[in-house]
Amino acid sequence: MKINNMKKLLKKSLWIMSGMAFLGLAWITGTGTILEYIHFADPLNEMGFFMCCCSMAAGLLYIGFSKDDSISCSKELDNEWHNESI
């Protein structure tokens, strides 16, 4: 039981760290520091990249801080999907 809790904690922290990394990417895009590494063809591309980073960070942080670990699914539904794929 304790090992499962550690796995859940590790998985949650991985989502949160990934979200923080995307926030960092959005930050250096917003400040213009990223232009030393990536040369965008147009300012609209840079703004789009910034928005994608912010959206990805929001999604990852939402998953990391959510209380529900997974969506439970019935075994009958799993078997039905498996039978349809064959």
C-alpha atoms as a PDB file:
ATOM      1  CA  MET A   1       0.000   0.000   0.000  1.00  0.00           C
ATOM      2  CA  LYS A   2       2.826   2.375   0.839  1.00  0.00           C
ATOM      3  CA  ILE A   3       4.550   1.696  -2.489  1.00  0.00           C
ATOM      4  CA  ASN A   4       1.378   2.623  -4.397  1.00  0.00           C
ATOM      5  CA  ASN A   5       1.212   5.930  -2.530  1.00  0.00           C
ATOM      6  CA  MET A   6       4.836   6.643  -3.429  1.00  0.00           C
ATOM      7  CA  LYS A   7       4.132   5.857  -7.087  1.00  0.00           C
ATOM      8  CA  LYS A   8       1.151   8.215  -7.072  1.00  0.00           C
ATOM      9  CA  LEU A   9       3.215  10.954  -5.439  1.00  0.00           C
ATOM     10  CA  LEU A  10       6.007  10.499  -7.965  1.00  0.00           C
ATOM     11  CA  LYS A  11       3.555  10.605 -10.853  1.00  0.00           C
ATOM     12  CA  LYS A  12       1.856  13.738  -9.498  1.00  0.00           C
ATOM     13  CA  SER A  13       5.191  15.473  -8.938  1.00  0.00           C
ATOM     14  CA  LEU A  14       6.261  14.622 -12.493  1.00  0.00           C
ATOM     15  CA  TRP A  15       3.138  16.335 -13.874  1.00  0.00           C
ATOM     16  CA  ILE A  16       3.772  19.365 -11.669  1.00  0.00           C
ATOM     17  CA  MET A  17       7.460  19.623 -12.629  1.00  0.00           C
ATOM     18  CA  SER A  18       6.540  19.365 -16.317  1.00  0.00           C
ATOM     19  CA  GLY A  19       4.015  22.152 -15.856  1.00  0.00           C
ATOM     20  CA  MET A  20       6.638  24.302 -14.171  1.00  0.00           C
ATOM     21  CA  ALA A  21       9.047  23.651 -17.058  1.00  0.00           C
ATOM     22  CA  PHE A  22       6.423  24.844 -19.541  1.00  0.00           C
ATOM     23  CA  LEU A  23       5.795  27.918 -17.388  1.00  0.00           C
ATOM     24  CA  GLY A  24       9.530  28.591 -17.531  1.00  0.00           C
ATOM     25  CA  LEU A  25       9.458  28.257 -21.311  1.00  0.00           C
ATOM     26  CA  ALA A  26       6.518  30.659 -21.468  1.00  0.00           C
ATOM     27  CA  TRP A  27       8.398  33.090 -19.220  1.00  0.00           C
ATOM     28  CA  ILE A  28      11.532  33.202 -21.363  1.00  0.00           C
ATOM     29  CA  THR A  29       9.333  33.508 -24.455  1.00  0.00           C
ATOM     30  CA  GLY A  30       7.469  36.449 -22.929  1.00  0.00           C
ATOM     31  CA  THR A  31      10.649  38.228 -21.920  1.00  0.00           C
ATOM     32  CA  GLY A  32      12.291  37.620 -25.305  1.00  0.00           C
ATOM     33  CA  THR A  33      15.210  35.576 -23.964  1.00  0.00           C
ATOM     34  CA  ILE A  34      14.209  32.636 -26.130  1.00  0.00           C
ATOM     35  CA  LEU A  35      15.126  34.633 -29.247  1.00  0.00           C
ATOM     36  CA  GLU A  36      18.767  33.812 -28.510  1.00  0.00           C
ATOM     37  CA  TYR A  37      17.957  30.122 -29.055  1.00  0.00           C
ATOM     38  CA  ILE A  38      14.971  30.032 -31.439  1.00  0.00           C
ATOM     39  CA  HIS A  39      14.519  32.470 -34.314  1.00  0.00           C
ATOM     40  CA  PHE A  40      10.827  32.937 -35.052  1.00  0.00           C
ATOM     41  CA  ALA A  41       9.814  34.003 -38.555  1.00  0.00           C
ATOM     42  CA  ASP A  42       7.090  36.326 -37.299  1.00  0.00           C
ATOM     43  CA  PRO A  43       6.027  37.866 -33.963  1.00  0.00           C
ATOM     44  CA  LEU A  44       2.715  36.008 -34.329  1.00  0.00           C
ATOM     45  CA  ASN A  45       4.620  32.720 -34.252  1.00  0.00           C
ATOM     46  CA  GLU A  46       6.264  33.789 -31.025  1.00  0.00           C
ATOM     47  CA  MET A  47       2.904  34.732 -29.502  1.00  0.00           C
ATOM     48  CA  GLY A  48       1.419  31.410 -30.618  1.00  0.00           C
ATOM     49  CA  PHE A  49       4.316  29.540 -29.039  1.00  0.00           C
ATOM     50  CA  PHE A  50       3.789  31.513 -25.836  1.00  0.00           C
ATOM     51  CA  MET A  51       0.082  30.645 -25.765  1.00  0.00           C
ATOM     52  CA  CYS A  52       0.793  26.953 -26.442  1.00  0.00           C
ATOM     53  CA  CYS A  53       3.288  26.884 -23.568  1.00  0.00           C
ATOM     54  CA  CYS A  54       0.820  28.570 -21.223  1.00  0.00           C
ATOM     55  CA  SER A  55      -1.978  26.185 -22.221  1.00  0.00           C
ATOM     56  CA  MET A  56       0.243  23.141 -21.803  1.00  0.00           C
ATOM     57  CA  ALA A  57       1.441  24.375 -18.406  1.00  0.00           C
ATOM     58  CA  ALA A  58      -2.127  24.968 -17.247  1.00  0.00           C
ATOM     59  CA  GLY A  59      -3.184  21.483 -18.325  1.00  0.00           C
ATOM     60  CA  LEU A  60      -0.220  19.766 -16.711  1.00  0.00           C
ATOM     61  CA  LEU A  61      -0.613  21.669 -13.457  1.00  0.00           C
ATOM     62  CA  TYR A  62      -4.328  20.861 -13.417  1.00  0.00           C
ATOM     63  CA  ILE A  63      -3.538  17.162 -13.787  1.00  0.00           C
ATOM     64  CA  GLY A  64      -0.811  17.380 -11.138  1.00  0.00           C
ATOM     65  CA  PHE A  65      -3.001  19.035  -8.538  1.00  0.00           C
ATOM     66  CA  SER A  66      -6.214  17.145  -9.279  1.00  0.00           C
ATOM     67  CA  LYS A  67      -7.457  14.753  -6.611  1.00  0.00           C
ATOM     68  CA  ASP A  68      -8.759  12.035  -8.934  1.00  0.00           C
ATOM     69  CA  ASP A  69      -5.980   9.695 -10.082  1.00  0.00           C
ATOM     70  CA  SER A  70      -7.705   8.010 -12.959  1.00  0.00           C
ATOM     71  CA  ILE A  71     -11.033   7.500 -14.585  1.00  0.00           C
ATOM     72  CA  SER A  72     -12.459   4.226 -13.451  1.00  0.00           C
ATOM     73  CA  CYS A  73     -13.839   2.014 -16.169  1.00  0.00           C
ATOM     74  CA  SER A  74     -15.787  -1.180 -15.858  1.00  0.00           C
ATOM     75  CA  LYS A  75     -14.279  -4.494 -16.897  1.00  0.00           C
ATOM     76  CA  GLU A  76     -17.282  -5.136 -19.167  1.00  0.00           C
ATOM     77  CA  LEU A  77     -16.562  -1.945 -21.109  1.00  0.00           C
ATOM     78  CA  ASP A  78     -12.868  -2.830 -21.366  1.00  0.00           C
ATOM     79  CA  ASN A  79     -13.750  -6.264 -22.734  1.00  0.00           C
ATOM     80  CA  GLU A  80     -16.213  -4.733 -25.197  1.00  0.00           C
ATOM     81  CA  TRP A  81     -13.575  -2.333 -26.530  1.00  0.00           C
ATOM     82  CA  HIS A  82     -11.061  -5.156 -26.763  1.00  0.00           C
ATOM     83  CA  ASN A  83     -13.503  -7.335 -28.701  1.00  0.00           C
ATOM     84  CA  GLU A  84     -14.283  -4.519 -31.148  1.00  0.00           C
ATOM     85  CA  SER A  85     -10.601  -3.995 -31.914  1.00  0.00           C
ATOM     86  CA  ILE A  86     -10.043  -7.617 -32.902  1.00  0.00           C
END
